[in-house]
N, C-alpha and C. Protein backbone atom coordinates (compact mmCIF):
# COMPACT_ATOMS: atom_id res chain seq x y z
N UNK A 1 3.36 -19.46 68.74
CA UNK A 1 4.77 -19.54 68.39
C UNK A 1 5.56 -18.48 69.15
N UNK A 2 6.72 -18.85 69.64
CA UNK A 2 7.64 -17.92 70.27
C UNK A 2 7.91 -16.76 69.30
N UNK A 3 7.73 -15.54 69.76
CA UNK A 3 7.88 -14.36 68.89
C UNK A 3 9.28 -14.23 68.31
N UNK A 4 10.27 -14.78 69.00
CA UNK A 4 11.64 -14.71 68.48
C UNK A 4 11.81 -15.55 67.22
N UNK A 5 10.84 -16.43 66.96
CA UNK A 5 10.93 -17.33 65.81
C UNK A 5 9.80 -17.09 64.81
N UNK A 6 9.12 -15.97 64.92
CA UNK A 6 7.97 -15.71 64.05
C UNK A 6 8.38 -15.55 62.59
N UNK A 7 9.66 -15.27 62.34
CA UNK A 7 10.14 -15.09 60.96
C UNK A 7 10.54 -16.40 60.29
N UNK A 8 10.56 -17.49 61.03
CA UNK A 8 11.04 -18.76 60.48
C UNK A 8 9.96 -19.40 59.61
N UNK A 9 10.36 -19.72 58.39
CA UNK A 9 9.46 -20.38 57.44
C UNK A 9 10.02 -21.73 56.97
N UNK A 10 11.29 -21.98 57.29
CA UNK A 10 11.93 -23.23 56.88
C UNK A 10 12.59 -23.86 58.10
N UNK A 11 12.19 -25.08 58.43
CA UNK A 11 12.67 -25.78 59.61
C UNK A 11 13.55 -26.94 59.13
N UNK A 12 14.84 -26.82 59.36
CA UNK A 12 15.82 -27.77 58.83
C UNK A 12 16.41 -28.55 59.99
N UNK A 13 16.40 -29.87 59.87
CA UNK A 13 16.84 -30.72 60.96
C UNK A 13 17.94 -31.68 60.50
N UNK A 14 18.99 -31.77 61.29
CA UNK A 14 19.92 -32.88 61.19
C UNK A 14 19.17 -34.15 61.60
N UNK A 15 19.79 -35.30 61.37
CA UNK A 15 19.13 -36.57 61.67
C UNK A 15 19.67 -37.21 62.94
N UNK A 16 20.87 -37.82 62.83
CA UNK A 16 21.42 -38.61 63.94
C UNK A 16 21.73 -37.75 65.15
N UNK A 17 21.32 -38.24 66.31
CA UNK A 17 21.55 -37.59 67.60
C UNK A 17 20.89 -36.21 67.69
N UNK A 18 19.97 -35.94 66.78
CA UNK A 18 19.18 -34.72 66.81
C UNK A 18 17.71 -35.05 66.96
N UNK A 19 17.20 -35.89 66.06
CA UNK A 19 15.79 -36.29 66.13
C UNK A 19 15.57 -37.45 67.09
N UNK A 20 16.64 -38.04 67.56
CA UNK A 20 16.59 -39.01 68.66
C UNK A 20 17.76 -38.71 69.58
N UNK A 21 17.71 -39.09 70.85
CA UNK A 21 18.79 -38.73 71.78
C UNK A 21 20.06 -39.52 71.54
N UNK A 22 21.19 -38.89 71.80
CA UNK A 22 22.47 -39.59 71.69
C UNK A 22 22.53 -40.78 72.63
N UNK A 23 21.76 -40.72 73.72
CA UNK A 23 21.75 -41.83 74.68
C UNK A 23 21.19 -43.12 74.11
N UNK A 24 20.52 -43.05 72.96
CA UNK A 24 20.06 -44.27 72.28
C UNK A 24 21.24 -45.10 71.80
N UNK A 25 22.38 -44.46 71.62
CA UNK A 25 23.64 -45.11 71.24
C UNK A 25 23.58 -45.76 69.85
N UNK A 26 22.66 -45.31 69.01
CA UNK A 26 22.61 -45.86 67.65
C UNK A 26 23.89 -45.54 66.89
N UNK A 27 24.38 -44.32 67.06
CA UNK A 27 25.56 -43.94 66.28
C UNK A 27 26.80 -44.69 66.73
N UNK A 28 26.79 -45.23 67.96
CA UNK A 28 27.91 -46.07 68.39
C UNK A 28 28.06 -47.28 67.47
N UNK A 29 26.94 -47.77 66.95
CA UNK A 29 26.99 -48.91 66.05
C UNK A 29 27.63 -48.52 64.71
N UNK A 30 27.30 -47.33 64.24
CA UNK A 30 27.93 -46.84 63.01
C UNK A 30 29.41 -46.60 63.24
N UNK A 31 29.73 -46.02 64.40
CA UNK A 31 31.12 -45.77 64.77
C UNK A 31 31.94 -47.06 64.74
N UNK A 32 31.38 -48.13 65.30
CA UNK A 32 32.07 -49.42 65.31
C UNK A 32 32.25 -49.96 63.90
N UNK A 33 31.24 -49.78 63.06
CA UNK A 33 31.33 -50.24 61.68
C UNK A 33 32.39 -49.46 60.90
N UNK A 34 32.51 -48.17 61.17
CA UNK A 34 33.54 -47.37 60.51
C UNK A 34 34.92 -47.86 60.92
N UNK A 35 35.10 -48.16 62.22
CA UNK A 35 36.37 -48.67 62.68
C UNK A 35 36.73 -49.99 62.01
N UNK A 36 35.74 -50.88 61.90
CA UNK A 36 35.98 -52.17 61.26
C UNK A 36 36.31 -52.01 59.78
N UNK A 37 35.63 -51.09 59.12
CA UNK A 37 35.90 -50.85 57.70
C UNK A 37 37.33 -50.36 57.50
N UNK A 38 37.75 -49.41 58.32
CA UNK A 38 39.10 -48.87 58.20
C UNK A 38 40.14 -49.93 58.50
N UNK A 39 39.90 -50.72 59.54
CA UNK A 39 40.84 -51.79 59.90
C UNK A 39 41.01 -52.76 58.74
N UNK A 40 39.91 -53.16 58.14
CA UNK A 40 39.97 -54.11 57.03
C UNK A 40 40.59 -53.49 55.79
N UNK A 41 40.23 -52.27 55.50
CA UNK A 41 40.72 -51.60 54.29
C UNK A 41 42.21 -51.30 54.36
N UNK A 42 42.67 -50.87 55.54
CA UNK A 42 44.06 -50.43 55.67
C UNK A 42 44.96 -51.47 56.32
N UNK A 43 44.38 -52.57 56.77
CA UNK A 43 45.19 -53.62 57.39
C UNK A 43 45.80 -53.21 58.71
N UNK A 44 45.03 -52.52 59.53
CA UNK A 44 45.52 -52.08 60.84
C UNK A 44 44.61 -52.67 61.91
N UNK A 45 45.05 -52.60 63.18
CA UNK A 45 44.19 -53.09 64.26
C UNK A 45 43.14 -52.04 64.58
N UNK A 46 42.19 -52.42 65.45
CA UNK A 46 41.06 -51.54 65.72
C UNK A 46 41.46 -50.28 66.48
N UNK A 47 42.53 -50.36 67.28
CA UNK A 47 42.99 -49.17 68.00
C UNK A 47 43.52 -48.14 67.02
N UNK A 48 44.35 -48.59 66.07
CA UNK A 48 44.88 -47.68 65.06
C UNK A 48 43.76 -47.20 64.14
N UNK A 49 42.82 -48.07 63.84
CA UNK A 49 41.70 -47.68 62.99
C UNK A 49 40.90 -46.55 63.64
N UNK A 50 40.70 -46.64 64.94
CA UNK A 50 39.95 -45.58 65.63
C UNK A 50 40.73 -44.26 65.62
N UNK A 51 42.04 -44.34 65.77
CA UNK A 51 42.85 -43.12 65.71
C UNK A 51 42.72 -42.47 64.34
N UNK A 52 42.78 -43.27 63.30
CA UNK A 52 42.64 -42.75 61.94
C UNK A 52 41.25 -42.17 61.73
N UNK A 53 40.26 -42.90 62.19
CA UNK A 53 38.87 -42.47 62.03
C UNK A 53 38.63 -41.11 62.66
N UNK A 54 39.05 -40.95 63.91
CA UNK A 54 38.80 -39.68 64.60
C UNK A 54 39.64 -38.55 64.01
N UNK A 55 40.82 -38.87 63.52
CA UNK A 55 41.62 -37.86 62.84
C UNK A 55 40.91 -37.31 61.62
N UNK A 56 40.29 -38.20 60.86
CA UNK A 56 39.53 -37.77 59.68
C UNK A 56 38.27 -37.00 60.09
N UNK A 57 37.61 -37.46 61.13
CA UNK A 57 36.39 -36.81 61.58
C UNK A 57 36.67 -35.36 61.98
N UNK A 58 37.74 -35.15 62.73
CA UNK A 58 38.07 -33.80 63.16
C UNK A 58 38.69 -32.97 62.04
N UNK A 59 39.51 -33.60 61.21
CA UNK A 59 40.25 -32.85 60.19
C UNK A 59 39.50 -32.62 58.89
N UNK A 60 38.62 -33.56 58.53
CA UNK A 60 37.93 -33.48 57.24
C UNK A 60 36.43 -33.24 57.37
N UNK A 61 35.91 -33.26 58.58
CA UNK A 61 34.47 -33.10 58.77
C UNK A 61 33.74 -34.41 58.91
N UNK A 62 34.14 -35.40 58.10
CA UNK A 62 33.59 -36.75 58.19
C UNK A 62 34.70 -37.76 57.96
N UNK A 63 34.52 -38.95 58.52
CA UNK A 63 35.46 -40.04 58.28
C UNK A 63 35.51 -40.37 56.79
N UNK A 64 34.36 -40.39 56.14
CA UNK A 64 34.30 -40.70 54.72
C UNK A 64 35.15 -39.75 53.89
N UNK A 65 35.09 -38.46 54.19
CA UNK A 65 35.85 -37.48 53.41
C UNK A 65 37.35 -37.78 53.48
N UNK A 66 37.83 -38.12 54.66
CA UNK A 66 39.25 -38.45 54.80
C UNK A 66 39.62 -39.72 54.07
N UNK A 67 38.77 -40.72 54.16
CA UNK A 67 39.05 -41.99 53.48
C UNK A 67 38.99 -41.84 51.97
N UNK A 68 38.13 -40.99 51.49
CA UNK A 68 38.08 -40.73 50.05
C UNK A 68 39.33 -39.98 49.60
N UNK A 69 39.72 -38.97 50.38
CA UNK A 69 40.87 -38.14 50.00
C UNK A 69 42.18 -38.92 50.02
N UNK A 70 42.36 -39.75 51.04
CA UNK A 70 43.66 -40.40 51.23
C UNK A 70 43.72 -41.83 50.69
N UNK A 71 42.56 -42.46 50.52
CA UNK A 71 42.58 -43.88 50.15
C UNK A 71 41.64 -44.24 49.01
N UNK A 72 41.03 -43.24 48.39
CA UNK A 72 40.20 -43.49 47.22
C UNK A 72 39.02 -44.39 47.46
N UNK A 73 38.46 -44.32 48.66
CA UNK A 73 37.34 -45.19 49.02
C UNK A 73 36.09 -44.84 48.20
N UNK A 74 35.36 -45.85 47.78
CA UNK A 74 34.08 -45.68 47.09
C UNK A 74 33.04 -45.28 48.13
N UNK A 75 32.45 -44.09 48.01
CA UNK A 75 31.50 -43.64 49.04
C UNK A 75 30.27 -44.53 49.15
N UNK A 76 29.81 -45.06 48.04
CA UNK A 76 28.63 -45.93 48.09
C UNK A 76 28.93 -47.20 48.89
N UNK A 77 30.10 -47.78 48.65
CA UNK A 77 30.50 -48.98 49.38
C UNK A 77 30.63 -48.69 50.87
N UNK A 78 31.30 -47.58 51.19
CA UNK A 78 31.51 -47.20 52.59
C UNK A 78 30.18 -46.98 53.30
N UNK A 79 29.29 -46.20 52.70
CA UNK A 79 28.03 -45.86 53.36
C UNK A 79 27.14 -47.09 53.51
N UNK A 80 27.14 -47.96 52.51
CA UNK A 80 26.33 -49.18 52.62
C UNK A 80 26.83 -50.04 53.77
N UNK A 81 28.14 -50.12 53.95
CA UNK A 81 28.72 -50.94 55.01
C UNK A 81 28.43 -50.37 56.39
N UNK A 82 28.70 -49.08 56.58
CA UNK A 82 28.59 -48.52 57.93
C UNK A 82 27.13 -48.33 58.35
N UNK A 83 26.22 -48.23 57.40
CA UNK A 83 24.81 -48.05 57.73
C UNK A 83 24.04 -49.36 57.85
N UNK A 84 24.73 -50.46 57.67
CA UNK A 84 24.09 -51.78 57.80
C UNK A 84 24.06 -52.18 59.27
N UNK A 85 23.12 -51.58 60.00
CA UNK A 85 23.02 -51.79 61.44
C UNK A 85 21.57 -52.04 61.84
N UNK A 86 21.39 -52.64 63.00
CA UNK A 86 20.06 -52.78 63.57
C UNK A 86 19.63 -51.46 64.20
N UNK A 87 18.35 -51.15 64.10
CA UNK A 87 17.82 -49.89 64.63
C UNK A 87 16.82 -50.13 65.75
N UNK A 88 16.95 -51.25 66.43
CA UNK A 88 15.99 -51.62 67.46
C UNK A 88 16.03 -50.70 68.67
N UNK A 89 17.07 -49.87 68.80
CA UNK A 89 17.16 -48.95 69.94
C UNK A 89 16.30 -47.70 69.73
N UNK A 90 15.77 -47.52 68.52
CA UNK A 90 14.93 -46.35 68.24
C UNK A 90 13.46 -46.69 68.44
N UNK A 91 12.71 -45.74 68.98
CA UNK A 91 11.29 -45.92 69.21
C UNK A 91 10.50 -44.79 68.56
N UNK A 92 9.26 -45.08 68.25
CA UNK A 92 8.39 -44.06 67.68
C UNK A 92 8.23 -42.91 68.67
N UNK A 93 8.28 -41.69 68.13
CA UNK A 93 8.15 -40.50 68.96
C UNK A 93 6.96 -39.68 68.45
N UNK A 94 5.77 -40.08 68.88
CA UNK A 94 4.55 -39.41 68.43
C UNK A 94 4.51 -37.93 68.83
N UNK A 95 4.95 -37.55 70.04
CA UNK A 95 4.95 -36.12 70.38
C UNK A 95 5.83 -35.29 69.45
N UNK A 96 6.98 -35.84 69.03
CA UNK A 96 7.84 -35.11 68.10
C UNK A 96 7.16 -34.96 66.75
N UNK A 97 6.54 -36.02 66.27
CA UNK A 97 5.82 -35.95 65.00
C UNK A 97 4.72 -34.89 65.05
N UNK A 98 4.02 -34.83 66.17
CA UNK A 98 2.94 -33.85 66.33
C UNK A 98 3.48 -32.43 66.35
N UNK A 99 4.60 -32.23 67.04
CA UNK A 99 5.20 -30.89 67.12
C UNK A 99 5.70 -30.42 65.76
N UNK A 100 6.35 -31.30 65.03
CA UNK A 100 6.85 -30.94 63.70
C UNK A 100 5.69 -30.60 62.77
N UNK A 101 4.60 -31.34 62.88
CA UNK A 101 3.44 -31.08 62.04
C UNK A 101 2.85 -29.69 62.28
N UNK A 102 3.00 -29.17 63.49
CA UNK A 102 2.45 -27.86 63.84
C UNK A 102 3.34 -26.70 63.38
N UNK A 103 4.57 -26.97 63.02
CA UNK A 103 5.47 -25.89 62.62
C UNK A 103 4.99 -25.27 61.31
N UNK A 104 4.98 -23.95 61.24
CA UNK A 104 4.55 -23.29 60.01
C UNK A 104 5.66 -23.31 58.96
N UNK A 105 5.31 -23.71 57.76
CA UNK A 105 6.29 -23.68 56.69
C UNK A 105 6.83 -25.04 56.33
N UNK A 106 8.03 -25.05 55.77
CA UNK A 106 8.63 -26.25 55.20
C UNK A 106 9.53 -26.95 56.23
N UNK A 107 9.64 -28.27 56.09
CA UNK A 107 10.48 -29.06 56.98
C UNK A 107 11.35 -29.98 56.14
N UNK A 108 12.67 -29.92 56.38
CA UNK A 108 13.64 -30.63 55.55
C UNK A 108 14.70 -31.28 56.43
N UNK A 109 15.11 -32.49 56.06
CA UNK A 109 16.23 -33.16 56.72
C UNK A 109 17.52 -32.81 55.98
N UNK A 110 18.56 -32.48 56.74
CA UNK A 110 19.87 -32.10 56.20
C UNK A 110 20.91 -32.96 56.91
N UNK A 111 21.35 -34.04 56.25
CA UNK A 111 22.16 -35.04 56.93
C UNK A 111 23.38 -35.46 56.13
N UNK A 112 24.46 -35.77 56.86
CA UNK A 112 25.66 -36.31 56.23
C UNK A 112 25.53 -37.80 55.93
N UNK A 113 24.42 -38.41 56.30
CA UNK A 113 24.14 -39.80 55.94
C UNK A 113 23.53 -39.82 54.53
N UNK A 114 23.16 -41.03 54.06
CA UNK A 114 22.50 -41.11 52.77
C UNK A 114 21.00 -41.32 52.96
N UNK A 115 20.26 -41.14 51.88
CA UNK A 115 18.80 -41.17 51.96
C UNK A 115 18.24 -42.53 52.39
N UNK A 116 18.76 -43.67 51.89
CA UNK A 116 18.20 -44.95 52.36
C UNK A 116 18.29 -45.12 53.87
N UNK A 117 19.43 -44.75 54.44
CA UNK A 117 19.59 -44.84 55.89
C UNK A 117 18.66 -43.87 56.60
N UNK A 118 18.63 -42.62 56.13
CA UNK A 118 17.79 -41.61 56.76
C UNK A 118 16.32 -42.02 56.73
N UNK A 119 15.90 -42.62 55.64
CA UNK A 119 14.51 -43.06 55.52
C UNK A 119 14.18 -44.13 56.56
N UNK A 120 15.13 -45.03 56.81
CA UNK A 120 14.92 -46.07 57.82
C UNK A 120 14.81 -45.47 59.22
N UNK A 121 15.69 -44.52 59.53
CA UNK A 121 15.66 -43.88 60.85
C UNK A 121 14.33 -43.15 61.04
N UNK A 122 13.93 -42.38 60.05
CA UNK A 122 12.67 -41.64 60.16
C UNK A 122 11.49 -42.58 60.32
N UNK A 123 11.53 -43.70 59.62
CA UNK A 123 10.46 -44.67 59.76
C UNK A 123 10.37 -45.23 61.17
N UNK A 124 11.52 -45.55 61.77
CA UNK A 124 11.53 -46.07 63.15
C UNK A 124 11.00 -45.04 64.14
N UNK A 125 11.25 -43.76 63.87
CA UNK A 125 10.83 -42.70 64.77
C UNK A 125 9.38 -42.27 64.55
N UNK A 126 8.75 -42.82 63.52
CA UNK A 126 7.40 -42.40 63.20
C UNK A 126 7.35 -41.05 62.51
N UNK A 127 8.44 -40.69 61.82
CA UNK A 127 8.54 -39.39 61.17
C UNK A 127 8.61 -39.53 59.65
N UNK A 128 8.17 -40.65 59.14
CA UNK A 128 8.29 -40.90 57.71
C UNK A 128 7.55 -39.92 56.83
N UNK A 129 6.50 -39.30 57.36
CA UNK A 129 5.70 -38.35 56.59
C UNK A 129 5.89 -36.91 57.07
N UNK A 130 6.89 -36.68 57.91
CA UNK A 130 7.03 -35.37 58.57
C UNK A 130 7.81 -34.35 57.76
N UNK A 131 8.56 -34.81 56.74
CA UNK A 131 9.48 -33.91 56.05
C UNK A 131 9.23 -33.90 54.55
N UNK A 132 9.41 -32.73 53.99
CA UNK A 132 9.26 -32.55 52.55
C UNK A 132 10.32 -33.30 51.77
N UNK A 133 11.54 -33.31 52.30
CA UNK A 133 12.65 -33.89 51.55
C UNK A 133 13.81 -34.22 52.49
N UNK A 134 14.72 -35.05 51.98
CA UNK A 134 15.97 -35.37 52.66
C UNK A 134 17.11 -34.87 51.78
N UNK A 135 17.89 -33.93 52.29
CA UNK A 135 19.07 -33.44 51.57
C UNK A 135 20.27 -34.18 52.14
N UNK A 136 20.77 -35.18 51.40
CA UNK A 136 21.76 -36.10 51.96
C UNK A 136 23.16 -35.84 51.43
N UNK A 137 24.09 -36.72 51.80
CA UNK A 137 25.50 -36.58 51.44
C UNK A 137 25.70 -36.55 49.93
N UNK A 138 24.88 -37.29 49.19
CA UNK A 138 25.01 -37.30 47.73
C UNK A 138 24.50 -35.99 47.12
N UNK A 139 23.44 -35.44 47.71
CA UNK A 139 22.93 -34.14 47.25
C UNK A 139 23.96 -33.04 47.48
N UNK A 140 24.86 -33.25 48.45
CA UNK A 140 25.93 -32.30 48.73
C UNK A 140 27.16 -32.55 47.85
N UNK A 141 27.04 -33.46 46.91
CA UNK A 141 28.19 -33.85 46.08
C UNK A 141 29.36 -34.32 46.93
N UNK A 142 29.01 -35.00 48.04
CA UNK A 142 29.96 -35.63 48.96
C UNK A 142 30.80 -34.63 49.74
N UNK A 143 30.50 -33.33 49.60
CA UNK A 143 31.17 -32.29 50.41
C UNK A 143 30.24 -31.99 51.58
N UNK A 144 30.40 -32.75 52.66
CA UNK A 144 29.42 -32.77 53.75
C UNK A 144 29.57 -31.58 54.69
N UNK A 145 28.55 -31.43 55.55
CA UNK A 145 28.68 -30.49 56.66
C UNK A 145 29.96 -30.81 57.42
N UNK A 146 30.74 -29.82 57.84
CA UNK A 146 30.47 -28.38 57.86
C UNK A 146 31.02 -27.60 56.66
N UNK A 147 31.20 -28.22 55.50
CA UNK A 147 31.66 -27.49 54.33
C UNK A 147 30.62 -26.45 53.93
N UNK A 148 31.06 -25.23 53.66
CA UNK A 148 30.13 -24.15 53.34
C UNK A 148 29.28 -24.48 52.11
N UNK A 149 29.85 -25.22 51.17
CA UNK A 149 29.12 -25.55 49.95
C UNK A 149 27.89 -26.39 50.24
N UNK A 150 27.91 -27.18 51.32
CA UNK A 150 26.76 -28.01 51.66
C UNK A 150 25.54 -27.14 52.00
N UNK A 151 25.75 -26.04 52.69
CA UNK A 151 24.67 -25.16 53.10
C UNK A 151 24.17 -24.33 51.92
N UNK A 152 25.11 -23.87 51.09
CA UNK A 152 24.72 -23.12 49.89
C UNK A 152 23.91 -24.02 48.95
N UNK A 153 24.35 -25.27 48.83
CA UNK A 153 23.64 -26.21 47.97
C UNK A 153 22.25 -26.52 48.48
N UNK A 154 22.10 -26.64 49.79
CA UNK A 154 20.79 -26.87 50.39
C UNK A 154 19.84 -25.72 50.05
N UNK A 155 20.30 -24.51 50.27
CA UNK A 155 19.45 -23.34 50.01
C UNK A 155 19.10 -23.23 48.53
N UNK A 156 20.05 -23.53 47.65
CA UNK A 156 19.79 -23.47 46.21
C UNK A 156 18.81 -24.55 45.79
N UNK A 157 18.96 -25.74 46.34
CA UNK A 157 18.12 -26.87 45.93
C UNK A 157 16.65 -26.64 46.26
N UNK A 158 16.38 -25.95 47.38
CA UNK A 158 15.00 -25.77 47.82
C UNK A 158 14.56 -24.31 47.82
N UNK A 159 15.39 -23.45 47.22
CA UNK A 159 15.07 -22.02 47.13
C UNK A 159 14.74 -21.46 48.51
N UNK A 160 15.65 -21.69 49.46
CA UNK A 160 15.45 -21.26 50.84
C UNK A 160 16.12 -19.92 51.09
N UNK A 161 15.41 -19.06 51.78
CA UNK A 161 16.01 -17.84 52.31
C UNK A 161 16.62 -18.20 53.66
N UNK A 162 17.96 -18.17 53.79
CA UNK A 162 18.56 -18.57 55.07
C UNK A 162 18.10 -17.72 56.24
N UNK A 163 17.74 -16.46 55.99
CA UNK A 163 17.29 -15.59 57.07
C UNK A 163 15.91 -15.97 57.58
N UNK A 164 15.20 -16.82 56.84
CA UNK A 164 13.89 -17.30 57.27
C UNK A 164 13.96 -18.79 57.62
N UNK A 165 15.16 -19.24 57.95
CA UNK A 165 15.38 -20.67 58.19
C UNK A 165 16.02 -20.92 59.55
N UNK A 166 15.60 -22.00 60.18
CA UNK A 166 16.23 -22.47 61.42
C UNK A 166 16.85 -23.83 61.16
N UNK A 167 18.07 -24.04 61.66
CA UNK A 167 18.75 -25.32 61.52
C UNK A 167 19.03 -25.89 62.90
N UNK A 168 18.53 -27.11 63.14
CA UNK A 168 18.74 -27.83 64.40
C UNK A 168 19.73 -28.96 64.18
N UNK A 169 20.75 -29.04 65.04
CA UNK A 169 21.87 -29.95 64.81
C UNK A 169 22.56 -30.26 66.14
N UNK A 170 23.03 -31.52 66.30
CA UNK A 170 23.71 -31.88 67.54
C UNK A 170 25.19 -31.53 67.55
N UNK A 171 25.80 -31.41 66.37
CA UNK A 171 27.22 -31.04 66.30
C UNK A 171 27.33 -29.52 66.23
N UNK A 172 27.83 -28.90 67.28
CA UNK A 172 27.88 -27.44 67.34
C UNK A 172 28.67 -26.85 66.18
N UNK A 173 29.73 -27.54 65.76
CA UNK A 173 30.55 -26.98 64.67
C UNK A 173 29.76 -26.89 63.36
N UNK A 174 28.76 -27.75 63.20
CA UNK A 174 27.98 -27.73 61.96
C UNK A 174 26.97 -26.59 61.91
N UNK A 175 26.81 -25.90 63.03
CA UNK A 175 25.92 -24.73 63.06
C UNK A 175 26.63 -23.46 62.62
N UNK A 176 27.94 -23.45 62.70
CA UNK A 176 28.69 -22.22 62.39
C UNK A 176 28.47 -21.75 60.95
N UNK A 177 28.59 -22.63 59.94
CA UNK A 177 28.34 -22.18 58.57
C UNK A 177 26.89 -21.76 58.34
N UNK A 178 25.95 -22.39 59.07
CA UNK A 178 24.55 -22.00 58.95
C UNK A 178 24.35 -20.58 59.46
N UNK A 179 24.94 -20.28 60.61
CA UNK A 179 24.84 -18.94 61.17
C UNK A 179 25.50 -17.91 60.26
N UNK A 180 26.59 -18.29 59.62
CA UNK A 180 27.32 -17.37 58.76
C UNK A 180 26.50 -16.89 57.57
N UNK A 181 25.54 -17.69 57.12
CA UNK A 181 24.71 -17.27 55.99
C UNK A 181 23.35 -16.73 56.43
N UNK A 182 23.17 -16.60 57.74
CA UNK A 182 21.98 -15.94 58.25
C UNK A 182 20.93 -16.82 58.88
N UNK A 183 21.18 -18.12 58.98
CA UNK A 183 20.20 -19.01 59.60
C UNK A 183 20.17 -18.81 61.11
N UNK A 184 19.00 -19.06 61.70
CA UNK A 184 18.87 -19.18 63.14
C UNK A 184 19.31 -20.60 63.50
N UNK A 185 20.04 -20.74 64.61
CA UNK A 185 20.63 -22.04 64.93
C UNK A 185 20.16 -22.58 66.27
N UNK A 186 19.90 -23.88 66.28
CA UNK A 186 19.51 -24.60 67.49
C UNK A 186 20.50 -25.74 67.71
N UNK A 187 21.21 -25.68 68.83
CA UNK A 187 22.14 -26.75 69.17
C UNK A 187 21.42 -27.76 70.07
N UNK A 188 21.32 -28.99 69.59
CA UNK A 188 20.73 -30.07 70.38
C UNK A 188 21.87 -30.72 71.16
N UNK A 189 22.13 -30.19 72.34
CA UNK A 189 23.27 -30.61 73.16
C UNK A 189 22.83 -31.74 74.08
N UNK A 190 22.79 -32.95 73.53
CA UNK A 190 22.26 -34.08 74.30
C UNK A 190 23.29 -35.17 74.54
N UNK A 191 24.58 -34.80 74.42
CA UNK A 191 25.63 -35.74 74.78
C UNK A 191 26.41 -36.33 73.63
N UNK A 192 26.17 -35.91 72.40
CA UNK A 192 26.94 -36.45 71.28
C UNK A 192 28.34 -35.84 71.25
N UNK A 193 29.22 -36.50 70.54
CA UNK A 193 30.63 -36.10 70.50
C UNK A 193 30.79 -34.75 69.83
N UNK A 194 31.63 -33.90 70.44
CA UNK A 194 31.92 -32.58 69.89
C UNK A 194 33.41 -32.48 69.56
N UNK A 195 33.77 -31.51 68.75
CA UNK A 195 35.18 -31.28 68.47
C UNK A 195 35.84 -30.57 69.64
N UNK A 196 37.15 -30.81 69.83
CA UNK A 196 37.85 -30.15 70.94
C UNK A 196 37.81 -28.62 70.81
N UNK A 197 37.73 -27.94 71.93
CA UNK A 197 37.79 -26.48 71.98
C UNK A 197 36.68 -25.82 71.15
N UNK A 198 35.52 -26.46 71.09
CA UNK A 198 34.39 -25.91 70.35
C UNK A 198 33.88 -24.65 71.03
N UNK A 199 33.57 -23.62 70.22
CA UNK A 199 32.98 -22.40 70.74
C UNK A 199 31.51 -22.35 70.32
N UNK A 200 30.74 -21.48 70.96
CA UNK A 200 29.30 -21.50 70.74
C UNK A 200 28.71 -20.12 70.46
N UNK A 201 29.53 -19.20 69.99
CA UNK A 201 29.00 -17.87 69.72
C UNK A 201 28.03 -17.87 68.53
N UNK A 202 28.06 -18.92 67.74
CA UNK A 202 27.17 -19.03 66.58
C UNK A 202 25.87 -19.77 66.92
N UNK A 203 25.64 -20.08 68.19
CA UNK A 203 24.45 -20.81 68.62
C UNK A 203 23.41 -19.82 69.15
N UNK A 204 22.21 -19.87 68.59
CA UNK A 204 21.13 -18.99 69.05
C UNK A 204 20.29 -19.62 70.16
N UNK A 205 20.02 -20.91 70.05
CA UNK A 205 19.22 -21.62 71.04
C UNK A 205 19.90 -22.94 71.37
N UNK A 206 19.71 -23.39 72.61
CA UNK A 206 20.27 -24.67 73.05
C UNK A 206 19.17 -25.48 73.73
N UNK A 207 19.15 -26.78 73.43
CA UNK A 207 18.24 -27.69 74.13
C UNK A 207 18.91 -29.04 74.27
N UNK A 208 18.45 -29.82 75.23
CA UNK A 208 18.92 -31.20 75.33
C UNK A 208 17.86 -32.18 74.84
N UNK A 209 16.72 -31.63 74.37
CA UNK A 209 15.63 -32.47 73.89
C UNK A 209 14.82 -31.69 72.86
N UNK A 210 14.92 -32.07 71.60
CA UNK A 210 14.29 -31.29 70.54
C UNK A 210 12.77 -31.33 70.64
N UNK A 211 12.21 -32.43 71.13
CA UNK A 211 10.76 -32.51 71.29
C UNK A 211 10.27 -31.47 72.30
N UNK A 212 10.92 -31.43 73.46
CA UNK A 212 10.54 -30.47 74.49
C UNK A 212 10.68 -29.04 73.98
N UNK A 213 11.76 -28.78 73.26
CA UNK A 213 12.01 -27.42 72.77
C UNK A 213 10.91 -27.00 71.80
N UNK A 214 10.57 -27.87 70.87
CA UNK A 214 9.52 -27.54 69.90
C UNK A 214 8.18 -27.32 70.59
N UNK A 215 7.86 -28.17 71.55
CA UNK A 215 6.59 -28.00 72.27
C UNK A 215 6.57 -26.67 73.01
N UNK A 216 7.71 -26.27 73.58
CA UNK A 216 7.80 -25.02 74.33
C UNK A 216 7.62 -23.82 73.43
N UNK A 217 8.29 -23.81 72.27
CA UNK A 217 8.18 -22.62 71.40
C UNK A 217 6.79 -22.53 70.77
N UNK A 218 6.16 -23.69 70.54
CA UNK A 218 4.82 -23.67 69.96
C UNK A 218 3.77 -23.17 70.96
N UNK A 219 4.05 -23.36 72.24
CA UNK A 219 3.12 -22.93 73.28
C UNK A 219 3.34 -21.49 73.71
N UNK A 220 4.50 -20.92 73.34
CA UNK A 220 4.86 -19.58 73.79
C UNK A 220 3.95 -18.53 73.17
N UNK A 221 3.65 -17.50 73.95
CA UNK A 221 2.80 -16.41 73.47
C UNK A 221 3.61 -15.49 72.58
């Protein structure tokens, strides 16, 4: 293990565009479903729906949070609709499963998606048995990343010491609250959408491929 990470006992991973590359374009399918949901719900065209969607994503952290705040959307209905997608673009990643299995300590998924969707993604990737638990949007009481309460709730739920924890995530802004409570942060910078004018002073490690990064740190003297 890389000596810089010898203190890590809890390995926390985001799901989408982190455990698989953004180039798989799976999230594009969810993005399209969110646009269609907004268009139908608000009676607007798809161009206006996308403007609304991205406004909520940047302003509220998630599209769902904005739709709940401004339009009283049922989160269960919204999540069921946008997650009803084909996952044929995902492939089993045996090297990633092997690398995660070698990590010392606990492994947890921390995602703004819901557990049924996360379970399907993990199954497609061959990671169904790789994690102790999935801490999802409902476990966060719908106050998703990057809300500070989401990170506090994660640590409380699993009795995690943030100073002994690493969080890997593709959205750089979602690493800032993790760093603020003492977590080590890994930005999986593989091409997913970022917020404008994002800064990276809260990022400890950067990779464009989480599998390669894990294999490298495990091999380090």
